[in-house]
Amino acid sequence: MKLYIKQKVFSWGDKFRVFDENETDRYSVKGDVFTFGKKLHVLDRSERELAFIHQKVWSFLPKYYISRNGADVACVTKEFTFFRQEYTVEGPGWTVKGDFFDHEYEITSSGRRIAAVSKRWFTWGDTYEIAVAEGEDEITALCVVLIIDAVCAQNSAAAASNNT
């Protein structure tokens, strides 16, 4: 299954459209405005919440929680490494490795690929392709990609403010 995430460029708060290879809308993602820490709601086409992502605000390394049906199902943490970025996904036991600056990475579990993520270049707004392996949890994989996008955006904003 391939999913595509497209960020809406001119919107108040974070908004993403998630669609399949036939351009059929599958999910939408809406962010809360004026909150401490990032908060995102993953919704189905009927606007029912399927997952909620919230950032742990006072943490040395970026840490996000994924909740479904009111219970935390995963914790995504950026690991402390010197030469490369790596994330762990506690709960399902996933690891995320790759080139996060170019948005080319994989989500794996015990050497088995859960999903492969790549950025589509030269599009209006960020667009990501997620190839989710058959039988894997596409909602949690989608949430992990949204979290990594949030961390990369936060790092880019911090780097830009340091250069001024």
Protein backbone atom coordinates (compact mmCIF):
# COMPACT_ATOMS: atom_id res chain seq x y z
CA MET A 1 0.00 0.00 0.00
CA LYS A 2 1.33 3.40 -0.94
CA LEU A 3 0.21 6.50 0.88
CA TYR A 4 1.10 10.07 0.03
CA ILE A 5 1.22 12.91 2.53
CA LYS A 6 0.88 16.43 1.18
CA GLN A 7 1.20 19.41 3.46
CA LYS A 8 -1.22 22.26 2.85
CA VAL A 9 0.95 25.31 2.31
CA PHE A 10 -1.34 28.19 3.22
CA SER A 11 -3.19 27.03 6.32
CA TRP A 12 -3.61 28.13 9.90
CA GLY A 13 -1.79 25.43 11.83
CA ASP A 14 -0.55 22.13 10.43
CA LYS A 15 -2.80 20.49 7.86
CA PHE A 16 -1.99 17.48 5.71
CA ARG A 17 -3.89 15.53 3.09
CA VAL A 18 -3.20 11.77 2.96
CA PHE A 19 -4.20 9.92 -0.19
CA ASP A 20 -3.45 6.67 -2.02
CA GLU A 21 -1.88 6.02 -5.44
CA ASN A 22 -5.28 6.66 -7.10
CA GLU A 23 -5.38 10.13 -5.45
CA THR A 24 -8.31 8.97 -3.30
CA ASP A 25 -8.35 10.75 0.05
CA ARG A 26 -7.70 8.30 2.89
CA TYR A 27 -7.00 10.50 5.92
CA SER A 28 -6.53 14.09 6.96
CA VAL A 29 -4.23 15.50 9.62
CA LYS A 30 -4.95 18.65 11.58
CA GLY A 31 -2.70 20.34 14.09
CA ASP A 32 -3.73 22.29 17.16
CA VAL A 33 -2.82 25.97 17.14
CA PHE A 34 -1.35 27.84 20.13
CA THR A 35 -0.27 24.83 22.18
CA PHE A 36 2.88 23.91 24.03
CA GLY A 37 4.42 21.18 21.95
CA LYS A 38 3.17 19.77 18.68
CA LYS A 39 -0.29 18.16 18.67
CA LEU A 40 -1.69 16.45 15.57
CA HIS A 41 -4.97 14.63 14.97
CA VAL A 42 -5.15 11.91 12.30
CA LEU A 43 -8.73 11.72 11.03
CA ASP A 44 -10.61 9.39 8.71
CA ARG A 45 -12.78 10.74 5.88
CA SER A 46 -15.72 11.09 8.30
CA GLU A 47 -13.56 13.30 10.58
CA ARG A 48 -13.33 10.61 13.30
CA GLU A 49 -10.02 10.62 15.15
CA LEU A 50 -7.92 7.53 14.42
CA ALA A 51 -4.75 8.68 16.20
CA PHE A 52 -3.48 11.60 18.26
CA ILE A 53 0.17 12.68 18.29
CA HIS A 54 1.50 14.82 21.12
CA GLN A 55 4.99 16.01 21.93
CA LYS A 56 6.59 15.71 25.34
CA VAL A 57 7.55 19.34 25.85
CA TRP A 58 10.34 19.24 28.45
CA SER A 59 12.60 16.56 27.03
CA PHE A 60 16.33 16.64 26.18
CA LEU A 61 15.75 14.80 22.91
CA PRO A 62 12.56 15.07 20.84
CA LYS A 63 9.94 12.62 22.14
CA TYR A 64 6.40 12.14 20.83
CA TYR A 65 3.55 9.86 21.84
CA ILE A 66 1.01 8.24 19.55
CA SER A 67 -2.39 7.60 21.12
CA ARG A 68 -5.23 5.56 19.68
CA ASN A 69 -8.64 5.26 21.33
CA GLY A 70 -7.34 7.30 24.27
CA ALA A 71 -4.36 5.03 25.07
CA ASP A 72 -0.70 5.52 24.19
CA VAL A 73 0.38 2.85 21.70
CA ALA A 74 3.84 4.13 20.77
CA CYS A 75 6.57 6.51 21.86
CA VAL A 76 8.87 7.92 19.17
CA THR A 77 12.24 9.18 20.39
CA LYS A 78 15.10 10.72 18.46
CA GLU A 79 18.21 8.91 19.62
CA PHE A 80 21.42 10.65 20.68
CA THR A 81 23.96 9.87 17.95
CA PHE A 82 26.87 11.89 16.60
CA PHE A 83 27.07 11.19 12.88
CA ARG A 84 23.62 10.04 11.85
CA GLN A 85 20.04 10.37 12.97
CA GLU A 86 18.08 7.46 14.31
CA TYR A 87 14.67 7.11 15.90
CA THR A 88 13.18 4.33 17.99
CA VAL A 89 9.50 3.54 18.16
CA GLU A 90 8.71 1.93 21.50
CA GLY A 91 5.51 -0.07 21.52
CA PRO A 92 5.70 -1.81 18.16
CA GLY A 93 9.50 -2.11 18.52
CA TRP A 94 10.38 -0.31 15.32
CA THR A 95 13.62 1.45 14.35
CA VAL A 96 13.85 4.28 11.84
CA LYS A 97 17.10 4.83 9.93
CA GLY A 98 18.13 6.65 6.79
CA ASP A 99 18.80 10.09 5.41
CA PHE A 100 16.38 12.39 7.18
CA PHE A 101 17.78 15.55 5.55
CA ASP A 102 16.81 14.18 2.13
CA HIS A 103 13.72 12.47 3.56
CA GLU A 104 14.73 8.97 2.44
CA TYR A 105 14.43 6.45 5.25
CA GLU A 106 12.98 3.10 6.35
CA ILE A 107 10.97 1.91 9.31
CA THR A 108 12.04 -1.62 10.27
CA SER A 109 11.39 -4.26 12.89
CA SER A 110 13.96 -7.03 13.46
CA GLY A 111 15.36 -6.45 9.96
CA ARG A 112 11.91 -6.59 8.32
CA ARG A 113 10.80 -3.48 6.43
CA ILE A 114 7.60 -1.96 7.77
CA ALA A 115 7.62 1.09 5.50
CA ALA A 116 9.89 3.02 3.15
CA VAL A 117 9.59 6.79 3.01
CA SER A 118 10.76 9.18 0.31
CA LYS A 119 10.16 12.83 -0.41
CA ARG A 120 8.80 13.93 -3.74
CA TRP A 121 10.78 16.90 -4.95
CA PHE A 122 9.55 19.86 -6.98
CA THR A 123 6.01 19.83 -5.62
CA TRP A 124 4.03 22.69 -4.12
CA GLY A 125 4.39 21.95 -0.41
CA ASP A 126 6.09 18.93 1.04
CA THR A 127 4.88 15.59 -0.35
CA TYR A 128 6.03 12.24 1.03
CA GLU A 129 5.49 8.75 -0.35
CA ILE A 130 5.10 5.97 2.21
CA ALA A 131 5.25 2.39 0.93
CA VAL A 132 3.73 0.37 3.77
CA ALA A 133 4.36 -3.39 3.70
CA GLU A 134 1.34 -5.66 3.39
CA GLY A 135 -0.35 -6.36 6.71
CA GLU A 136 1.51 -3.64 8.65
CA ASP A 137 -0.08 -0.88 10.73
CA GLU A 138 -0.37 1.99 8.26
CA ILE A 139 -1.84 4.45 10.80
CA THR A 140 1.12 4.08 13.18
CA ALA A 141 3.55 4.24 10.24
CA LEU A 142 1.83 7.43 9.05
CA CYS A 143 2.14 8.89 12.56
CA VAL A 144 5.88 8.10 12.68
CA VAL A 145 6.41 9.92 9.36
CA LEU A 146 4.45 12.94 10.64
CA ILE A 147 6.58 13.01 13.80
CA ILE A 148 9.86 12.88 11.86
CA ASP A 149 8.58 15.67 9.61
CA ALA A 150 7.80 17.74 12.72
CA VAL A 151 11.28 17.14 14.20
CA CYS A 152 12.99 18.02 10.88
CA ALA A 153 10.88 21.19 10.54
CA GLN A 154 11.73 22.18 14.10
CA ASN A 155 15.46 21.59 13.43
CA SER A 156 15.28 23.65 10.22
CA ALA A 157 13.54 26.51 12.00
CA ALA A 158 16.13 26.45 14.80
CA ALA A 159 19.00 26.46 12.27
CA ALA A 160 17.42 29.37 10.38
CA SER A 161 17.00 31.42 13.55
CA ASN A 162 20.63 30.75 14.52
CA ASN A 163 21.82 32.06 11.13
CA THR A 164 20.13 35.44 11.55
